[in-house]
Amino acid sequence: MRPESEIRDRIAELEARYDDYDPPSSEFEDTAEVATLRAIEELEWVLEEYDATSGFTTS
């Protein structure tokens, strides 16, 4: 399992990359964006953990 600091860094990286392409226009949109990016990060983590334990591949 990745340490919390690494996960937070990844979320910050995703936020910055996303904001470069589509900056939020309201506080609600910014909050929704953060929630979406956290969900993406969790999904990436789950897929990596599943891959490591059972040989699952996404290709």
C-alpha atoms as a PDB file:
ATOM      1  CA  MET A   1       0.000   0.000   0.000  1.00  0.00           C
ATOM      2  CA  ARG A   2       1.271   3.453  -0.872  1.00  0.00           C
ATOM      3  CA  PRO A   3       1.920   5.938   1.904  1.00  0.00           C
ATOM      4  CA  GLU A   4      -0.586   8.747   2.373  1.00  0.00           C
ATOM      5  CA  SER A   5       1.959  11.380   1.363  1.00  0.00           C
ATOM      6  CA  GLU A   6       2.495   9.676  -2.004  1.00  0.00           C
ATOM      7  CA  ILE A   7      -1.260   9.497  -2.611  1.00  0.00           C
ATOM      8  CA  ARG A   8      -1.678  13.175  -1.701  1.00  0.00           C
ATOM      9  CA  ASP A   9       1.181  14.107  -4.039  1.00  0.00           C
ATOM     10  CA  ARG A  10      -0.450  12.151  -6.860  1.00  0.00           C
ATOM     11  CA  ILE A  11      -3.790  13.882  -6.258  1.00  0.00           C
ATOM     12  CA  ALA A  12      -2.064  17.281  -6.311  1.00  0.00           C
ATOM     13  CA  GLU A  13      -0.327  16.355  -9.559  1.00  0.00           C
ATOM     14  CA  LEU A  14      -3.627  15.287 -11.137  1.00  0.00           C
ATOM     15  CA  GLU A  15      -5.330  18.479  -9.941  1.00  0.00           C
ATOM     16  CA  ALA A  16      -2.614  20.666 -11.416  1.00  0.00           C
ATOM     17  CA  ARG A  17      -2.656  18.820 -14.730  1.00  0.00           C
ATOM     18  CA  TYR A  18      -6.440  18.991 -14.906  1.00  0.00           C
ATOM     19  CA  ASP A  19      -6.505  22.707 -13.997  1.00  0.00           C
ATOM     20  CA  ASP A  20      -4.051  23.452 -16.803  1.00  0.00           C
ATOM     21  CA  TYR A  21      -6.581  22.152 -19.326  1.00  0.00           C
ATOM     22  CA  ASP A  22      -9.848  23.155 -17.685  1.00  0.00           C
ATOM     23  CA  PRO A  23      -9.623  25.538 -14.722  1.00  0.00           C
ATOM     24  CA  PRO A  24     -12.625  25.350 -12.358  1.00  0.00           C
ATOM     25  CA  SER A  25     -15.123  28.183 -12.727  1.00  0.00           C
ATOM     26  CA  SER A  26     -16.743  27.879  -9.281  1.00  0.00           C
ATOM     27  CA  GLU A  27     -16.090  26.537  -5.783  1.00  0.00           C
ATOM     28  CA  PHE A  28     -18.574  23.707  -6.394  1.00  0.00           C
ATOM     29  CA  GLU A  29     -16.824  22.710  -9.610  1.00  0.00           C
ATOM     30  CA  ASP A  30     -13.465  22.741  -7.822  1.00  0.00           C
ATOM     31  CA  THR A  31     -14.851  20.515  -5.023  1.00  0.00           C
ATOM     32  CA  ALA A  32     -16.353  18.106  -7.547  1.00  0.00           C
ATOM     33  CA  GLU A  33     -13.056  17.993  -9.424  1.00  0.00           C
ATOM     34  CA  VAL A  34     -11.137  17.081  -6.268  1.00  0.00           C
ATOM     35  CA  ALA A  35     -13.621  14.296  -5.475  1.00  0.00           C
ATOM     36  CA  THR A  36     -13.313  12.933  -9.017  1.00  0.00           C
ATOM     37  CA  LEU A  37      -9.516  13.005  -8.908  1.00  0.00           C
ATOM     38  CA  ARG A  38      -9.513  11.196  -5.550  1.00  0.00           C
ATOM     39  CA  ALA A  39     -11.775   8.527  -7.001  1.00  0.00           C
ATOM     40  CA  ILE A  40      -9.422   8.124  -9.971  1.00  0.00           C
ATOM     41  CA  GLU A  41      -6.455   7.768  -7.630  1.00  0.00           C
ATOM     42  CA  GLU A  42      -8.279   5.155  -5.536  1.00  0.00           C
ATOM     43  CA  LEU A  43      -9.174   3.218  -8.671  1.00  0.00           C
ATOM     44  CA  GLU A  44      -5.552   3.302  -9.842  1.00  0.00           C
ATOM     45  CA  TRP A  45      -4.470   2.011  -6.429  1.00  0.00           C
ATOM     46  CA  VAL A  46      -7.038  -0.806  -6.444  1.00  0.00           C
ATOM     47  CA  LEU A  47      -6.005  -1.894  -9.928  1.00  0.00           C
ATOM     48  CA  GLU A  48      -2.325  -1.875  -8.949  1.00  0.00           C
ATOM     49  CA  GLU A  49      -3.032  -3.882  -5.773  1.00  0.00           C
ATOM     50  CA  TYR A  50      -5.193  -6.382  -7.653  1.00  0.00           C
ATOM     51  CA  ASP A  51      -2.553  -6.718 -10.352  1.00  0.00           C
ATOM     52  CA  ALA A  52       0.145  -7.350  -7.775  1.00  0.00           C
ATOM     53  CA  THR A  53      -1.814 -10.084  -6.010  1.00  0.00           C
ATOM     54  CA  SER A  54      -3.468 -11.985  -8.842  1.00  0.00           C
ATOM     55  CA  GLY A  55      -1.727 -11.125 -12.069  1.00  0.00           C
ATOM     56  CA  PHE A  56      -4.605  -8.988 -13.387  1.00  0.00           C
ATOM     57  CA  THR A  57      -3.645  -6.834 -16.363  1.00  0.00           C
ATOM     58  CA  THR A  58      -5.455  -3.909 -17.947  1.00  0.00           C
ATOM     59  CA  SER A  59      -4.111  -4.507 -21.435  1.00  0.00           C
END
